[in-house]
Amino acid sequence: EMAFLDSMVAAQKRCSFLHCKEYNRLGAICEFCKLRYCLRHRLPEDHGCRASAKVEARKQFIDAGFIRGKSTSNSYQRQTLKEKLGEKLNDQSANRVGAAAAKAKEKAKKNKKKR
């Protein structure tokens, strides 16, 4: 079946895009729909294979390591980082409260000395 389609595409001389009358001397065969298109319609986005191209591009992007898929190790790392951030924020809050209490004591001592 694929051999038949391949032979038909090779024999085709016109662009497969609807209402395009260009002859395919330098055209390209789409890797998604396997049809031949002229230079103007050779990109998947130009002839209707946008969704297939988008899925394939995303897959390649993920495979290249630019986007990490959801995994247990990633969620574990996220949970660990969340806990560390919570501890750090609690420490900073405690330091602020402690510093404010120290300032209040100092202010009270100064007021006592003035009297």
Foldseek 3Di string as FASTA:
>chain_A
DVVVLLVVQVPDQAAPAPPGGDGAPPWDQDPPPRHTHHPVQRDCVRRPNVVVVVVVVVVVCVVVPVDDDDDPVVVVVVVVVVVVVVVVVVVVVVVVVVVVVVVVVVVVVVVVVVD
